[in-house]
Amino acid sequence: MGEHGPLLREVIDDVARRLAAAPALSKERDRETLAGGEPVTADREARWLVSAVLDVAPAVLARSVAGDALIAAPDAARVREAAERRARGEPLAYCVGTAPFRHLELHVDRRVLIPRAETEVVVGEALRLTAGHPGGVAVDIGTGSGAIALSLATEGRFERVIATDISLDALTVAAGNAERVRVTHPAAAAVEFRHGADLAPLTGVRARVIVANPPYIAYEEAAALPPSVRDWEPPVALFAADGGMARYRAILAAAPSVLEPDGWVVFEVDAQRAQDTAAMASAAGYAQVQVVRDLTGRERVVLAQYVPSGISSSLAGSSAGEADLNA
């Protein structure tokens, strides 16, 4: 850790005191619990922060603390800077610059949505649906940090993965993550990033599966969001028109022009919109429409299969090129 700085234990204690005293974090911490209902404490969060900034495993950090290890002065300064940002309410992932997703560690900042555990379930469903049919193309709509696309590329058996996003800033972050993943996973499928809304950049593509975690929060719901989400994460990745349903409608309308016969659409959904999204897919003629629950029991994934003879024109007027892009 270093030889000429303070004790690591003292730095962690100082971070914990800062976080515990931060008014911006008190309500947020009250809402957060670990699996099994164990509360998130300032001390626990301080250890997460220090572990991430120093890029050491929590178990290694614990051993260093127990052994009265010192921390180098420059590292201590980086920890204090991250702690000050966190105390102002900035999400922890942005403060430390990384977020875990499945087996990956991704760079994140305010240009992209922070990957979340429920999105890991979305990837799992896409992998399950395509496991028996290797090859082909997987598409990730609204890739953000690249979490879904890079997980499909490293865990799936696809020939290639194409990821789109309306945000050039997000594509820059995703491309950087792809470069890092390529070093650690040289056998992963090739990932191509394309700029544009929804499926508009995919002319001529035929995909086995389309996966999307689109913006699905209605604009009128913004005030009810936690400040750590509303005030920090990119609005383009959060909000959608039509009561939060605009992106689902646009993707379902355009998907038949991209999917192979019997291909799948896999959506992440807000629990309160899961049944409406499933009903929309069914009304449009998609087959085997299913709602899947996440690990907490909430309805968070919608699956729909493209059977060419079944797709109706009920979503006409919401193609990727002409749908409302205020999302």
C-alpha atoms as a PDB file:
ATOM      1  CA  MET A   1       0.000   0.000   0.000  1.00  0.00           C
ATOM      2  CA  GLY A   2       2.882   2.344   0.669  1.00  0.00           C
ATOM      3  CA  GLU A   3       5.508   3.226   3.271  1.00  0.00           C
ATOM      4  CA  HIS A   4       5.292   6.946   3.872  1.00  0.00           C
ATOM      5  CA  GLY A   5       1.612   7.697   4.353  1.00  0.00           C
ATOM      6  CA  PRO A   6      -1.021   7.280   7.054  1.00  0.00           C
ATOM      7  CA  LEU A   7      -2.354   4.010   8.372  1.00  0.00           C
ATOM      8  CA  LEU A   8      -4.859   2.461   6.000  1.00  0.00           C
ATOM      9  CA  ARG A   9      -7.185   1.851   8.943  1.00  0.00           C
ATOM     10  CA  GLU A  10      -7.156   5.557   9.804  1.00  0.00           C
ATOM     11  CA  VAL A  11      -7.980   6.517   6.213  1.00  0.00           C
ATOM     12  CA  ILE A  12     -10.944   4.127   6.145  1.00  0.00           C
ATOM     13  CA  ASP A  13     -12.188   5.440   9.488  1.00  0.00           C
ATOM     14  CA  ASP A  14     -11.923   9.005   8.187  1.00  0.00           C
ATOM     15  CA  VAL A  15     -13.892   8.116   5.045  1.00  0.00           C
ATOM     16  CA  ALA A  16     -16.571   6.389   7.130  1.00  0.00           C
ATOM     17  CA  ARG A  17     -16.948   9.496   9.328  1.00  0.00           C
ATOM     18  CA  ARG A  18     -17.298  11.720   6.252  1.00  0.00           C
ATOM     19  CA  LEU A  19     -19.940   9.483   4.722  1.00  0.00           C
ATOM     20  CA  ALA A  20     -21.858   9.059   7.976  1.00  0.00           C
ATOM     21  CA  ALA A  21     -22.029  12.840   8.432  1.00  0.00           C
ATOM     22  CA  ALA A  22     -23.106  13.609   4.849  1.00  0.00           C
ATOM     23  CA  PRO A  23     -26.740  14.833   4.722  1.00  0.00           C
ATOM     24  CA  ALA A  24     -26.968  13.859   1.050  1.00  0.00           C
ATOM     25  CA  LEU A  25     -26.405  10.200   1.925  1.00  0.00           C
ATOM     26  CA  SER A  26     -28.548   9.672   5.014  1.00  0.00           C
ATOM     27  CA  LYS A  27     -31.858   8.997   3.219  1.00  0.00           C
ATOM     28  CA  GLU A  28     -30.142   7.018   0.480  1.00  0.00           C
ATOM     29  CA  ARG A  29     -28.474   4.754   3.035  1.00  0.00           C
ATOM     30  CA  ASP A  30     -31.792   4.208   4.802  1.00  0.00           C
ATOM     31  CA  ARG A  31     -33.248   2.809   1.554  1.00  0.00           C
ATOM     32  CA  GLU A  32     -30.362   0.478   0.782  1.00  0.00           C
ATOM     33  CA  THR A  33     -29.985  -3.048   2.074  1.00  0.00           C
ATOM     34  CA  LEU A  34     -27.800  -5.949   1.134  1.00  0.00           C
ATOM     35  CA  ALA A  35     -29.128  -9.354   0.157  1.00  0.00           C
ATOM     36  CA  GLY A  36     -30.855 -10.771   3.213  1.00  0.00           C
ATOM     37  CA  GLY A  37     -31.866  -7.343   4.492  1.00  0.00           C
ATOM     38  CA  GLU A  38     -28.555  -6.364   6.084  1.00  0.00           C
ATOM     39  CA  PRO A  39     -28.250  -2.562   6.085  1.00  0.00           C
ATOM     40  CA  VAL A  40     -25.625  -0.640   4.164  1.00  0.00           C
ATOM     41  CA  THR A  41     -23.538   1.248   6.733  1.00  0.00           C
ATOM     42  CA  ALA A  42     -21.099   4.113   6.308  1.00  0.00           C
ATOM     43  CA  ASP A  43     -18.256   1.844   7.435  1.00  0.00           C
ATOM     44  CA  ARG A  44     -19.162  -0.806   4.879  1.00  0.00           C
ATOM     45  CA  GLU A  45     -19.440   1.772   2.109  1.00  0.00           C
ATOM     46  CA  ALA A  46     -16.104   3.307   3.130  1.00  0.00           C
ATOM     47  CA  ARG A  47     -14.424  -0.066   2.682  1.00  0.00           C
ATOM     48  CA  TRP A  48     -16.067  -0.502  -0.736  1.00  0.00           C
ATOM     49  CA  LEU A  49     -14.830   2.926  -1.779  1.00  0.00           C
ATOM     50  CA  VAL A  50     -11.262   2.387  -0.599  1.00  0.00           C
ATOM     51  CA  SER A  51     -11.139  -1.100  -2.115  1.00  0.00           C
ATOM     52  CA  ALA A  52     -12.291   0.231  -5.495  1.00  0.00           C
ATOM     53  CA  VAL A  53      -9.991   3.269  -5.542  1.00  0.00           C
ATOM     54  CA  LEU A  54      -6.954   1.155  -4.631  1.00  0.00           C
ATOM     55  CA  ASP A  55      -8.088  -1.680  -6.934  1.00  0.00           C
ATOM     56  CA  VAL A  56      -7.650  -4.356  -4.285  1.00  0.00           C
ATOM     57  CA  ALA A  57     -10.043  -7.125  -3.333  1.00  0.00           C
ATOM     58  CA  PRO A  58     -12.027  -6.570  -0.113  1.00  0.00           C
ATOM     59  CA  ALA A  59     -10.344  -9.580   1.505  1.00  0.00           C
ATOM     60  CA  VAL A  60      -6.902  -8.166   0.709  1.00  0.00           C
ATOM     61  CA  LEU A  61      -7.959  -4.798   2.094  1.00  0.00           C
ATOM     62  CA  ALA A  62      -9.168  -6.436   5.305  1.00  0.00           C
ATOM     63  CA  ARG A  63      -5.842  -8.228   5.774  1.00  0.00           C
ATOM     64  CA  SER A  64      -3.945  -5.006   5.169  1.00  0.00           C
ATOM     65  CA  VAL A  65      -6.041  -3.176   7.746  1.00  0.00           C
ATOM     66  CA  ALA A  66      -5.526  -5.950  10.281  1.00  0.00           C
ATOM     67  CA  GLY A  67      -1.791  -5.784   9.679  1.00  0.00           C
ATOM     68  CA  ASP A  68      -1.618  -2.033  10.270  1.00  0.00           C
ATOM     69  CA  ALA A  69      -0.529  -1.396   6.693  1.00  0.00           C
ATOM     70  CA  LEU A  70       0.280   2.107   5.559  1.00  0.00           C
ATOM     71  CA  ILE A  71      -1.159   3.773   2.467  1.00  0.00           C
ATOM     72  CA  ALA A  72       0.956   5.902   0.165  1.00  0.00           C
ATOM     73  CA  ALA A  73       0.195   9.610   0.371  1.00  0.00           C
ATOM     74  CA  PRO A  74      -0.935   9.913  -3.297  1.00  0.00           C
ATOM     75  CA  ASP A  75      -3.302   6.967  -2.832  1.00  0.00           C
ATOM     76  CA  ALA A  76      -4.680   8.509   0.343  1.00  0.00           C
ATOM     77  CA  ALA A  77      -5.325  11.732  -1.568  1.00  0.00           C
ATOM     78  CA  ARG A  78      -7.239   9.826  -4.281  1.00  0.00           C
ATOM     79  CA  VAL A  79      -9.323   8.129  -1.610  1.00  0.00           C
ATOM     80  CA  ARG A  80     -10.138  11.453   0.055  1.00  0.00           C
ATOM     81  CA  GLU A  81     -11.158  12.999  -3.273  1.00  0.00           C
ATOM     82  CA  ALA A  82     -13.498  10.096  -4.007  1.00  0.00           C
ATOM     83  CA  ALA A  83     -14.929  10.319  -0.486  1.00  0.00           C
ATOM     84  CA  GLU A  84     -15.615  14.045  -0.874  1.00  0.00           C
ATOM     85  CA  ARG A  85     -17.479  13.411  -4.116  1.00  0.00           C
ATOM     86  CA  ARG A  86     -19.468  10.619  -2.522  1.00  0.00           C
ATOM     87  CA  ALA A  87     -20.349  12.809   0.460  1.00  0.00           C
ATOM     88  CA  ARG A  88     -21.922  15.305  -1.959  1.00  0.00           C
ATOM     89  CA  GLY A  89     -24.275  12.557  -3.138  1.00  0.00           C
ATOM     90  CA  GLU A  90     -22.489  11.420  -6.291  1.00  0.00           C
ATOM     91  CA  PRO A  91     -23.065   7.697  -6.913  1.00  0.00           C
ATOM     92  CA  LEU A  92     -20.294   5.478  -5.622  1.00  0.00           C
ATOM     93  CA  ALA A  93     -19.603   3.970  -9.057  1.00  0.00           C
ATOM     94  CA  TYR A  94     -18.925   7.413 -10.535  1.00  0.00           C
ATOM     95  CA  CYS A  95     -16.707   8.359  -7.596  1.00  0.00           C
ATOM     96  CA  VAL A  96     -14.444   5.351  -8.050  1.00  0.00           C
ATOM     97  CA  GLY A  97     -14.856   5.143 -11.833  1.00  0.00           C
ATOM     98  CA  THR A  98     -15.792   1.474 -12.074  1.00  0.00           C
ATOM     99  CA  ALA A  99     -18.785  -0.817 -11.695  1.00  0.00           C
ATOM    100  CA  PRO A 100     -18.998  -4.625 -11.669  1.00  0.00           C
ATOM    101  CA  PHE A 101     -21.303  -6.403 -14.108  1.00  0.00           C
ATOM    102  CA  ARG A 102     -21.514 -10.181 -14.181  1.00  0.00           C
ATOM    103  CA  HIS A 103     -17.858 -11.228 -14.624  1.00  0.00           C
ATOM    104  CA  LEU A 104     -16.680  -7.833 -15.942  1.00  0.00           C
ATOM    105  CA  GLU A 105     -15.338  -4.688 -14.301  1.00  0.00           C
ATOM    106  CA  LEU A 106     -16.418  -1.702 -16.391  1.00  0.00           C
ATOM    107  CA  HIS A 107     -15.362   1.922 -16.484  1.00  0.00           C
ATOM    108  CA  VAL A 108     -18.303   4.237 -15.823  1.00  0.00           C
ATOM    109  CA  ASP A 109     -18.778   7.963 -15.467  1.00  0.00           C
ATOM    110  CA  ARG A 110     -21.632  10.436 -15.823  1.00  0.00           C
ATOM    111  CA  ARG A 111     -21.868   9.808 -19.560  1.00  0.00           C
ATOM    112  CA  VAL A 112     -23.455   6.391 -18.964  1.00  0.00           C
ATOM    113  CA  LEU A 113     -25.999   4.668 -16.769  1.00  0.00           C
ATOM    114  CA  ILE A 114     -24.512   2.656 -13.909  1.00  0.00           C
ATOM    115  CA  PRO A 115     -24.950  -1.094 -14.609  1.00  0.00           C
ATOM    116  CA  ARG A 116     -27.320  -2.781 -12.190  1.00  0.00           C
ATOM    117  CA  ALA A 117     -27.912  -6.284 -10.919  1.00  0.00           C
ATOM    118  CA  GLU A 118     -31.313  -6.646 -12.599  1.00  0.00           C
ATOM    119  CA  THR A 119     -29.684  -6.119 -15.982  1.00  0.00           C
ATOM    120  CA  GLU A 120     -27.528  -9.160 -15.311  1.00  0.00           C
ATOM    121  CA  VAL A 121     -30.751 -11.193 -15.346  1.00  0.00           C
ATOM    122  CA  VAL A 122     -31.584  -9.741 -18.772  1.00  0.00           C
ATOM    123  CA  VAL A 123     -28.250 -10.972 -20.134  1.00  0.00           C
ATOM    124  CA  GLY A 124     -28.795 -14.365 -18.554  1.00  0.00           C
ATOM    125  CA  GLU A 125     -32.128 -14.752 -20.325  1.00  0.00           C
ATOM    126  CA  ALA A 126     -30.630 -13.781 -23.686  1.00  0.00           C
ATOM    127  CA  LEU A 127     -27.856 -16.326 -23.225  1.00  0.00           C
ATOM    128  CA  ARG A 128     -30.337 -19.010 -22.206  1.00  0.00           C
ATOM    129  CA  LEU A 129     -32.541 -18.444 -25.259  1.00  0.00           C
ATOM    130  CA  THR A 130     -29.626 -18.656 -27.689  1.00  0.00           C
ATOM    131  CA  ALA A 131     -27.469 -21.325 -26.012  1.00  0.00           C
ATOM    132  CA  GLY A 132     -28.664 -24.137 -28.272  1.00  0.00           C
ATOM    133  CA  HIS A 133     -28.065 -22.251 -31.503  1.00  0.00           C
ATOM    134  CA  PRO A 134     -24.503 -20.886 -31.655  1.00  0.00           C
ATOM    135  CA  GLY A 135     -23.363 -18.300 -34.156  1.00  0.00           C
ATOM    136  CA  GLY A 136     -25.260 -15.383 -35.615  1.00  0.00           C
ATOM    137  CA  VAL A 137     -25.550 -11.804 -34.463  1.00  0.00           C
ATOM    138  CA  ALA A 138     -26.653 -10.394 -31.116  1.00  0.00           C
ATOM    139  CA  VAL A 139     -27.796  -6.762 -30.900  1.00  0.00           C
ATOM    140  CA  ASP A 140     -27.683  -4.506 -27.833  1.00  0.00           C
ATOM    141  CA  ILE A 141     -29.861  -1.394 -28.096  1.00  0.00           C
ATOM    142  CA  GLY A 142     -28.841   1.604 -25.972  1.00  0.00           C
ATOM    143  CA  THR A 143     -25.546   0.040 -24.934  1.00  0.00           C
ATOM    144  CA  GLY A 144     -24.384   2.744 -22.488  1.00  0.00           C
ATOM    145  CA  SER A 145     -21.230   1.410 -20.829  1.00  0.00           C
ATOM    146  CA  GLY A 146     -21.347  -1.656 -23.079  1.00  0.00           C
ATOM    147  CA  ALA A 147     -22.302  -3.936 -20.174  1.00  0.00           C
ATOM    148  CA  ILE A 148     -24.840  -6.031 -22.092  1.00  0.00           C
ATOM    149  CA  ALA A 149     -22.921  -6.167 -25.383  1.00  0.00           C
ATOM    150  CA  LEU A 150     -19.628  -7.133 -23.761  1.00  0.00           C
ATOM    151  CA  SER A 151     -21.277  -9.778 -21.587  1.00  0.00           C
ATOM    152  CA  LEU A 152     -22.934 -11.297 -24.661  1.00  0.00           C
ATOM    153  CA  ALA A 153     -19.599 -11.234 -26.479  1.00  0.00           C
ATOM    154  CA  THR A 154     -17.640 -12.897 -23.683  1.00  0.00           C
ATOM    155  CA  GLU A 155     -20.241 -15.362 -22.422  1.00  0.00           C
ATOM    156  CA  GLY A 156     -22.300 -16.134 -25.510  1.00  0.00           C
ATOM    157  CA  ARG A 157     -21.527 -18.115 -28.637  1.00  0.00           C
ATOM    158  CA  PHE A 158     -22.261 -15.410 -31.177  1.00  0.00           C
ATOM    159  CA  GLU A 159     -20.327 -14.657 -34.323  1.00  0.00           C
ATOM    160  CA  ARG A 160     -20.486 -10.956 -33.518  1.00  0.00           C
ATOM    161  CA  VAL A 161     -22.315  -8.410 -31.386  1.00  0.00           C
ATOM    162  CA  ILE A 162     -23.582  -5.022 -32.604  1.00  0.00           C
ATOM    163  CA  ALA A 163     -24.329  -2.312 -30.047  1.00  0.00           C
ATOM    164  CA  THR A 164     -26.130   0.960 -30.743  1.00  0.00           C
ATOM    165  CA  ASP A 165     -26.612   4.143 -28.766  1.00  0.00           C
ATOM    166  CA  ILE A 166     -27.990   7.591 -29.512  1.00  0.00           C
ATOM    167  CA  SER A 167     -25.256   9.111 -27.321  1.00  0.00           C
ATOM    168  CA  LEU A 168     -21.792   9.514 -28.822  1.00  0.00           C
ATOM    169  CA  ASP A 169     -20.452  10.042 -25.315  1.00  0.00           C
ATOM    170  CA  ALA A 170     -21.821   6.670 -24.245  1.00  0.00           C
ATOM    171  CA  LEU A 171     -20.309   4.979 -27.282  1.00  0.00           C
ATOM    172  CA  THR A 172     -16.921   6.433 -26.346  1.00  0.00           C
ATOM    173  CA  VAL A 173     -17.169   4.877 -22.875  1.00  0.00           C
ATOM    174  CA  ALA A 174     -18.367   1.559 -24.314  1.00  0.00           C
ATOM    175  CA  ALA A 175     -15.556   1.432 -26.862  1.00  0.00           C
ATOM    176  CA  GLY A 176     -13.006   2.004 -24.107  1.00  0.00           C
ATOM    177  CA  ASN A 177     -14.494  -0.841 -22.101  1.00  0.00           C
ATOM    178  CA  ALA A 178     -14.393  -3.054 -25.190  1.00  0.00           C
ATOM    179  CA  GLU A 179     -10.658  -2.390 -25.582  1.00  0.00           C
ATOM    180  CA  ARG A 180     -10.026  -3.456 -21.997  1.00  0.00           C
ATOM    181  CA  VAL A 181     -12.240  -6.540 -22.296  1.00  0.00           C
ATOM    182  CA  ARG A 182     -10.467  -7.573 -25.506  1.00  0.00           C
ATOM    183  CA  VAL A 183      -7.213  -7.828 -23.548  1.00  0.00           C
ATOM    184  CA  THR A 184      -8.669 -10.073 -20.843  1.00  0.00           C
ATOM    185  CA  HIS A 185     -11.020 -12.053 -23.127  1.00  0.00           C
ATOM    186  CA  PRO A 186      -9.219 -12.483 -26.466  1.00  0.00           C
ATOM    187  CA  ALA A 187     -11.636 -15.229 -27.574  1.00  0.00           C
ATOM    188  CA  ALA A 188     -14.725 -13.014 -27.194  1.00  0.00           C
ATOM    189  CA  ALA A 189     -16.929 -12.309 -30.186  1.00  0.00           C
ATOM    190  CA  ALA A 190     -16.209  -9.121 -32.094  1.00  0.00           C
ATOM    191  CA  VAL A 191     -18.233  -6.117 -30.895  1.00  0.00           C
ATOM    192  CA  GLU A 192     -19.173  -3.293 -33.249  1.00  0.00           C
ATOM    193  CA  PHE A 193     -20.571   0.015 -32.002  1.00  0.00           C
ATOM    194  CA  ARG A 194     -22.959   2.080 -34.127  1.00  0.00           C
ATOM    195  CA  HIS A 195     -24.387   5.529 -33.488  1.00  0.00           C
ATOM    196  CA  GLY A 196     -28.134   6.098 -33.735  1.00  0.00           C
ATOM    197  CA  ALA A 197     -31.511   5.620 -32.106  1.00  0.00           C
ATOM    198  CA  ASP A 198     -32.871   2.164 -31.398  1.00  0.00           C
ATOM    199  CA  LEU A 199     -32.569  -0.068 -34.488  1.00  0.00           C
ATOM    200  CA  ALA A 200     -32.036   2.699 -37.050  1.00  0.00           C
ATOM    201  CA  PRO A 201     -28.281   1.943 -37.462  1.00  0.00           C
ATOM    202  CA  LEU A 202     -28.972  -1.731 -38.260  1.00  0.00           C
ATOM    203  CA  THR A 203     -29.975  -1.630 -41.928  1.00  0.00           C
ATOM    204  CA  GLY A 204     -29.166  -4.965 -43.537  1.00  0.00           C
ATOM    205  CA  VAL A 205     -28.482  -6.740 -40.219  1.00  0.00           C
ATOM    206  CA  ARG A 206     -30.142 -10.043 -39.329  1.00  0.00           C
ATOM    207  CA  ALA A 207     -29.930 -10.788 -35.617  1.00  0.00           C
ATOM    208  CA  ARG A 208     -30.654 -13.850 -33.547  1.00  0.00           C
ATOM    209  CA  VAL A 209     -31.519 -11.778 -30.487  1.00  0.00           C
ATOM    210  CA  ILE A 210     -32.151  -8.108 -29.711  1.00  0.00           C
ATOM    211  CA  VAL A 211     -31.465  -7.128 -26.110  1.00  0.00           C
ATOM    212  CA  ALA A 212     -32.417  -3.726 -24.742  1.00  0.00           C
ATOM    213  CA  ASN A 213     -32.475  -1.890 -21.448  1.00  0.00           C
ATOM    214  CA  PRO A 214     -34.151   1.229 -22.830  1.00  0.00           C
ATOM    215  CA  PRO A 215     -35.125   4.340 -20.873  1.00  0.00           C
ATOM    216  CA  TYR A 216     -38.493   3.595 -19.295  1.00  0.00           C
ATOM    217  CA  ILE A 217     -39.170   6.233 -16.657  1.00  0.00           C
ATOM    218  CA  ALA A 218     -41.966   8.665 -17.497  1.00  0.00           C
ATOM    219  CA  TYR A 219     -40.970  12.320 -17.332  1.00  0.00           C
ATOM    220  CA  GLU A 220     -43.631  13.004 -14.732  1.00  0.00           C
ATOM    221  CA  GLU A 221     -42.024  10.403 -12.448  1.00  0.00           C
ATOM    222  CA  ALA A 222     -38.712  12.271 -12.217  1.00  0.00           C
ATOM    223  CA  ALA A 223     -39.497  13.953  -8.899  1.00  0.00           C
ATOM    224  CA  ALA A 224     -40.000  10.578  -7.208  1.00  0.00           C
ATOM    225  CA  LEU A 225     -36.590   9.236  -8.194  1.00  0.00           C
ATOM    226  CA  PRO A 226     -33.759   9.047  -5.655  1.00  0.00           C
ATOM    227  CA  PRO A 227     -31.490  12.103  -6.051  1.00  0.00           C
ATOM    228  CA  SER A 228     -28.526   9.782  -6.684  1.00  0.00           C
ATOM    229  CA  VAL A 229     -30.277   8.703  -9.891  1.00  0.00           C
ATOM    230  CA  ARG A 230     -32.173  11.823 -10.950  1.00  0.00           C
ATOM    231  CA  ASP A 231     -29.381  14.321 -10.341  1.00  0.00           C
ATOM    232  CA  TRP A 232     -26.421  12.329 -11.610  1.00  0.00           C
ATOM    233  CA  GLU A 233     -27.236   9.711 -14.240  1.00  0.00           C
ATOM    234  CA  PRO A 234     -27.790  10.763 -17.891  1.00  0.00           C
ATOM    235  CA  PRO A 235     -31.431  11.711 -18.605  1.00  0.00           C
ATOM    236  CA  VAL A 236     -31.230  10.212 -22.095  1.00  0.00           C
ATOM    237  CA  ALA A 237     -30.780   6.803 -20.454  1.00  0.00           C
ATOM    238  CA  LEU A 238     -33.579   7.286 -17.931  1.00  0.00           C
ATOM    239  CA  PHE A 239     -36.634   8.996 -19.402  1.00  0.00           C
ATOM    240  CA  ALA A 240     -39.025   8.111 -22.208  1.00  0.00           C
ATOM    241  CA  ALA A 241     -42.190   9.605 -23.639  1.00  0.00           C
ATOM    242  CA  ASP A 242     -45.591   7.894 -23.786  1.00  0.00           C
ATOM    243  CA  GLY A 243     -45.615   7.215 -20.055  1.00  0.00           C
ATOM    244  CA  GLY A 244     -42.244   5.504 -20.306  1.00  0.00           C
ATOM    245  CA  MET A 245     -43.347   3.154 -23.099  1.00  0.00           C
ATOM    246  CA  ALA A 246     -42.038   4.951 -26.208  1.00  0.00           C
ATOM    247  CA  ARG A 247     -38.833   3.000 -26.631  1.00  0.00           C
ATOM    248  CA  TYR A 248     -40.512  -0.387 -26.186  1.00  0.00           C
ATOM    249  CA  ARG A 249     -43.068   0.559 -28.819  1.00  0.00           C
ATOM    250  CA  ALA A 250     -40.379   1.726 -31.263  1.00  0.00           C
ATOM    251  CA  ILE A 251     -38.182  -1.338 -30.823  1.00  0.00           C
ATOM    252  CA  LEU A 252     -41.061  -3.797 -31.169  1.00  0.00           C
ATOM    253  CA  ALA A 253     -42.166  -2.026 -34.348  1.00  0.00           C
ATOM    254  CA  ALA A 254     -38.720  -2.133 -35.947  1.00  0.00           C
ATOM    255  CA  ALA A 255     -37.511  -5.514 -34.697  1.00  0.00           C
ATOM    256  CA  PRO A 256     -39.086  -7.595 -37.510  1.00  0.00           C
ATOM    257  CA  SER A 257     -36.829  -5.795 -39.995  1.00  0.00           C
ATOM    258  CA  VAL A 258     -33.771  -6.970 -38.068  1.00  0.00           C
ATOM    259  CA  LEU A 259     -34.576 -10.302 -36.415  1.00  0.00           C
ATOM    260  CA  GLU A 260     -34.109 -13.696 -37.981  1.00  0.00           C
ATOM    261  CA  PRO A 261     -37.299 -15.798 -38.040  1.00  0.00           C
ATOM    262  CA  ASP A 262     -37.841 -17.206 -34.543  1.00  0.00           C
ATOM    263  CA  GLY A 263     -35.405 -14.657 -33.121  1.00  0.00           C
ATOM    264  CA  TRP A 264     -36.013 -13.023 -29.762  1.00  0.00           C
ATOM    265  CA  VAL A 265     -36.477  -9.605 -28.225  1.00  0.00           C
ATOM    266  CA  VAL A 266     -35.291  -9.429 -24.603  1.00  0.00           C
ATOM    267  CA  PHE A 267     -36.267  -6.290 -22.681  1.00  0.00           C
ATOM    268  CA  GLU A 268     -35.418  -5.011 -19.256  1.00  0.00           C
ATOM    269  CA  VAL A 269     -38.568  -3.391 -17.872  1.00  0.00           C
ATOM    270  CA  ASP A 270     -39.713  -1.474 -14.854  1.00  0.00           C
ATOM    271  CA  ALA A 271     -41.814  -3.820 -12.721  1.00  0.00           C
ATOM    272  CA  GLN A 272     -44.859  -1.576 -13.055  1.00  0.00           C
ATOM    273  CA  ARG A 273     -44.602  -1.691 -16.867  1.00  0.00           C
ATOM    274  CA  ALA A 274     -43.829  -5.368 -17.316  1.00  0.00           C
ATOM    275  CA  GLN A 275     -47.365  -6.524 -18.017  1.00  0.00           C
ATOM    276  CA  ASP A 276     -48.097  -3.560 -20.304  1.00  0.00           C
ATOM    277  CA  THR A 277     -44.953  -4.272 -22.296  1.00  0.00           C
ATOM    278  CA  ALA A 278     -45.834  -7.951 -22.576  1.00  0.00           C
ATOM    279  CA  ALA A 279     -49.353  -7.057 -23.706  1.00  0.00           C
ATOM    280  CA  MET A 280     -47.931  -4.699 -26.329  1.00  0.00           C
ATOM    281  CA  ALA A 281     -45.729  -7.474 -27.712  1.00  0.00           C
ATOM    282  CA  SER A 282     -48.611  -9.948 -27.753  1.00  0.00           C
ATOM    283  CA  ALA A 283     -50.911  -7.483 -29.504  1.00  0.00           C
ATOM    284  CA  ALA A 284     -48.255  -6.961 -32.178  1.00  0.00           C
ATOM    285  CA  GLY A 285     -48.178 -10.689 -32.886  1.00  0.00           C
ATOM    286  CA  TYR A 286     -45.001 -11.768 -31.117  1.00  0.00           C
ATOM    287  CA  ALA A 287     -45.041 -15.364 -29.884  1.00  0.00           C
ATOM    288  CA  GLN A 288     -44.061 -16.955 -26.568  1.00  0.00           C
ATOM    289  CA  VAL A 289     -44.284 -13.634 -24.737  1.00  0.00           C
ATOM    290  CA  GLN A 290     -43.065 -14.156 -21.189  1.00  0.00           C
ATOM    291  CA  VAL A 291     -42.428 -12.040 -18.107  1.00  0.00           C
ATOM    292  CA  VAL A 292     -39.435 -13.090 -15.989  1.00  0.00           C
ATOM    293  CA  ARG A 293     -38.779 -12.077 -12.397  1.00  0.00           C
ATOM    294  CA  ASP A 294     -35.419 -10.933 -11.084  1.00  0.00           C
ATOM    295  CA  LEU A 295     -33.695 -12.337  -8.002  1.00  0.00           C
ATOM    296  CA  THR A 296     -35.845 -10.161  -5.719  1.00  0.00           C
ATOM    297  CA  GLY A 297     -39.077 -11.489  -7.249  1.00  0.00           C
ATOM    298  CA  ARG A 298     -39.933  -8.381  -9.263  1.00  0.00           C
ATOM    299  CA  GLU A 299     -41.124  -8.621 -12.866  1.00  0.00           C
ATOM    300  CA  ARG A 300     -38.134  -7.141 -14.675  1.00  0.00           C
ATOM    301  CA  VAL A 301     -37.657  -8.953 -18.009  1.00  0.00           C
ATOM    302  CA  VAL A 302     -39.966  -9.410 -21.001  1.00  0.00           C
ATOM    303  CA  LEU A 303     -39.216 -11.997 -23.700  1.00  0.00           C
ATOM    304  CA  ALA A 304     -40.917 -12.082 -27.102  1.00  0.00           C
ATOM    305  CA  GLN A 305     -40.243 -14.259 -30.150  1.00  0.00           C
ATOM    306  CA  TYR A 306     -40.518 -13.041 -33.710  1.00  0.00           C
ATOM    307  CA  VAL A 307     -42.635 -15.379 -35.856  1.00  0.00           C
ATOM    308  CA  PRO A 308     -43.014 -13.641 -39.243  1.00  0.00           C
ATOM    309  CA  SER A 309     -46.599 -14.672 -39.927  1.00  0.00           C
ATOM    310  CA  GLY A 310     -47.784 -13.390 -36.562  1.00  0.00           C
ATOM    311  CA  ILE A 311     -46.539  -9.801 -36.542  1.00  0.00           C
ATOM    312  CA  SER A 312     -49.296  -7.249 -37.010  1.00  0.00           C
ATOM    313  CA  SER A 313     -49.231  -3.597 -37.985  1.00  0.00           C
ATOM    314  CA  SER A 314     -50.561  -2.441 -34.614  1.00  0.00           C
ATOM    315  CA  LEU A 315     -47.342  -0.527 -33.923  1.00  0.00           C
ATOM    316  CA  ALA A 316     -47.237   1.201 -37.286  1.00  0.00           C
ATOM    317  CA  GLY A 317     -45.931   4.748 -37.099  1.00  0.00           C
ATOM    318  CA  SER A 318     -43.395   3.909 -34.371  1.00  0.00           C
ATOM    319  CA  SER A 319     -40.498   2.722 -36.469  1.00  0.00           C
ATOM    320  CA  ALA A 320     -36.968   3.335 -35.228  1.00  0.00           C
ATOM    321  CA  GLY A 321     -36.514   6.182 -37.656  1.00  0.00           C
ATOM    322  CA  GLU A 322     -39.622   8.125 -36.812  1.00  0.00           C
ATOM    323  CA  ALA A 323     -40.462   7.327 -33.198  1.00  0.00           C
ATOM    324  CA  ASP A 324     -40.338  10.022 -30.536  1.00  0.00           C
ATOM    325  CA  LEU A 325     -36.707  10.238 -29.457  1.00  0.00           C
ATOM    326  CA  ASN A 326     -37.297  12.232 -26.263  1.00  0.00           C
ATOM    327  CA  ALA A 327     -35.971   9.390 -24.174  1.00  0.00           C
END
